């Protein structure tokens, strides 16, 4: 719950100081057009998933990059599905690695001792 409140407060303050406009200009001016934008955004989300939980990424990063994707003419549903698949990586590696705990709980005990 604290994560959700903290990420929402950060997003609101960032919007209050004009951060989304700066991010939009930064990401829409990347070389390579739409393909360059997709590469940078997916690498950024992949790396951020090492350090941030799914909720922080969903409440901070996606509201910042979503309008840029729409401005570049991308289909929002397709872009959302691409990000959803990429966000699943946050469940598969440590720091959070929820999938690792689930798999360990269903694996036979002799496999990990």
Protein backbone atom coordinates (compact mmCIF):
# COMPACT_ATOMS: atom_id res chain seq x y z
CA UNK A 1 0.00 0.00 0.00
CA UNK A 2 2.87 2.38 0.80
CA UNK A 3 4.33 1.70 -2.63
CA UNK A 4 1.10 2.70 -4.31
CA UNK A 5 0.77 5.90 -2.29
CA UNK A 6 4.42 6.85 -2.81
CA UNK A 7 4.34 6.27 -6.55
CA UNK A 8 1.08 8.21 -6.90
CA UNK A 9 2.46 11.17 -4.93
CA UNK A 10 5.66 11.15 -7.00
CA UNK A 11 3.66 11.08 -10.24
CA UNK A 12 1.43 13.97 -9.15
CA UNK A 13 4.40 16.13 -8.08
CA UNK A 14 6.26 15.29 -11.28
CA UNK A 15 3.21 16.32 -13.32
CA UNK A 16 2.89 19.51 -11.28
CA UNK A 17 6.38 20.69 -12.19
CA UNK A 18 5.96 19.94 -15.91
CA UNK A 19 7.92 16.70 -16.02
CA UNK A 20 5.70 14.93 -18.57
CA UNK A 21 6.25 17.70 -21.11
CA UNK A 22 10.02 17.34 -20.73
CA UNK A 23 9.81 13.54 -21.05
CA UNK A 24 7.58 13.86 -24.12
CA UNK A 25 10.06 16.15 -25.85
CA UNK A 26 12.94 13.87 -24.86
CA UNK A 27 11.34 10.64 -26.10
CA UNK A 28 9.67 11.99 -29.22
CA UNK A 29 12.97 13.43 -30.43
CA UNK A 30 14.88 10.13 -30.30
CA UNK A 31 16.66 9.07 -33.48
CA UNK A 32 14.98 6.21 -35.31
CA UNK A 33 11.41 7.42 -34.94
CA UNK A 34 8.97 4.83 -33.65
CA UNK A 35 11.49 1.99 -33.73
CA UNK A 36 14.04 4.00 -31.75
CA UNK A 37 11.33 4.91 -29.24
CA UNK A 38 10.31 1.26 -28.83
CA UNK A 39 13.89 0.11 -28.32
CA UNK A 40 14.68 2.80 -25.74
CA UNK A 41 11.41 2.35 -23.84
CA UNK A 42 11.63 -1.44 -23.70
CA UNK A 43 15.26 -1.40 -22.56
CA UNK A 44 14.40 1.26 -19.97
CA UNK A 45 11.44 -0.73 -18.61
CA UNK A 46 13.50 -3.92 -18.56
CA UNK A 47 16.29 -2.27 -16.56
CA UNK A 48 13.89 -0.46 -14.22
CA UNK A 49 12.16 -3.79 -13.50
CA UNK A 50 15.37 -4.88 -11.74
CA UNK A 51 14.91 -2.15 -9.13
CA UNK A 52 11.23 -1.22 -9.08
CA UNK A 53 8.14 -3.26 -8.40
CA UNK A 54 5.37 -3.66 -10.98
CA UNK A 55 3.22 -1.04 -9.23
CA UNK A 56 5.86 1.67 -9.38
CA UNK A 57 6.42 1.01 -13.06
CA UNK A 58 2.68 0.96 -13.77
CA UNK A 59 1.95 4.17 -11.86
CA UNK A 60 5.05 6.23 -12.69
CA UNK A 61 6.59 5.14 -16.00
CA UNK A 62 3.59 4.11 -18.08
CA UNK A 63 1.68 7.41 -17.67
CA UNK A 64 4.83 9.17 -18.88
CA UNK A 65 5.50 7.09 -21.98
CA UNK A 66 1.91 6.34 -23.01
CA UNK A 67 1.12 9.82 -24.39
CA UNK A 68 4.40 9.83 -26.32
CA UNK A 69 3.49 6.52 -27.97
CA UNK A 70 0.09 7.89 -28.97
CA UNK A 71 1.71 11.08 -30.29
CA UNK A 72 4.04 8.97 -32.43
CA UNK A 73 0.99 7.25 -33.97
CA UNK A 74 1.25 3.88 -32.25
CA UNK A 75 -1.79 1.78 -31.40
CA UNK A 76 -2.26 2.12 -27.62
CA UNK A 77 -3.56 -1.44 -27.22
CA UNK A 78 -0.57 -2.92 -29.05
CA UNK A 79 1.84 -0.73 -27.10
CA UNK A 80 0.15 -1.69 -23.82
CA UNK A 81 0.47 -5.39 -24.60
CA UNK A 82 4.14 -4.95 -25.48
CA UNK A 83 4.76 -3.22 -22.17
CA UNK A 84 2.75 -5.83 -20.27
CA UNK A 85 4.96 -8.60 -21.62
CA UNK A 86 8.05 -6.58 -20.76
CA UNK A 87 6.77 -5.82 -17.25
CA UNK A 88 6.45 -9.55 -16.60
CA UNK A 89 10.23 -9.65 -16.36
CA UNK A 90 9.93 -7.95 -12.97
CA UNK A 91 8.34 -11.14 -11.64
CA UNK A 92 11.15 -13.37 -12.88
CA UNK A 93 14.36 -12.01 -11.43
CA UNK A 94 15.59 -10.93 -8.03
CA UNK A 95 14.96 -8.25 -6.15
CA UNK A 96 11.26 -9.01 -6.26
CA UNK A 97 11.13 -12.25 -8.25
CA UNK A 98 7.68 -13.38 -7.17
CA UNK A 99 7.70 -16.13 -9.78
CA UNK A 100 10.87 -17.55 -8.23
CA UNK A 101 9.11 -17.97 -4.88
CA UNK A 102 6.06 -19.54 -6.52
CA UNK A 103 8.18 -22.03 -8.43
CA UNK A 104 10.18 -22.94 -5.35
CA UNK A 105 7.00 -23.60 -3.37
CA UNK A 106 5.69 -26.11 -5.94
CA UNK A 107 9.02 -27.79 -6.78
CA UNK A 108 9.93 -31.02 -5.01
CA UNK A 109 12.16 -30.46 -1.98
CA UNK A 110 15.02 -32.59 -3.34
CA UNK A 111 15.48 -30.23 -6.33
CA UNK A 112 16.70 -27.25 -4.31
CA UNK A 113 18.50 -28.70 -1.29
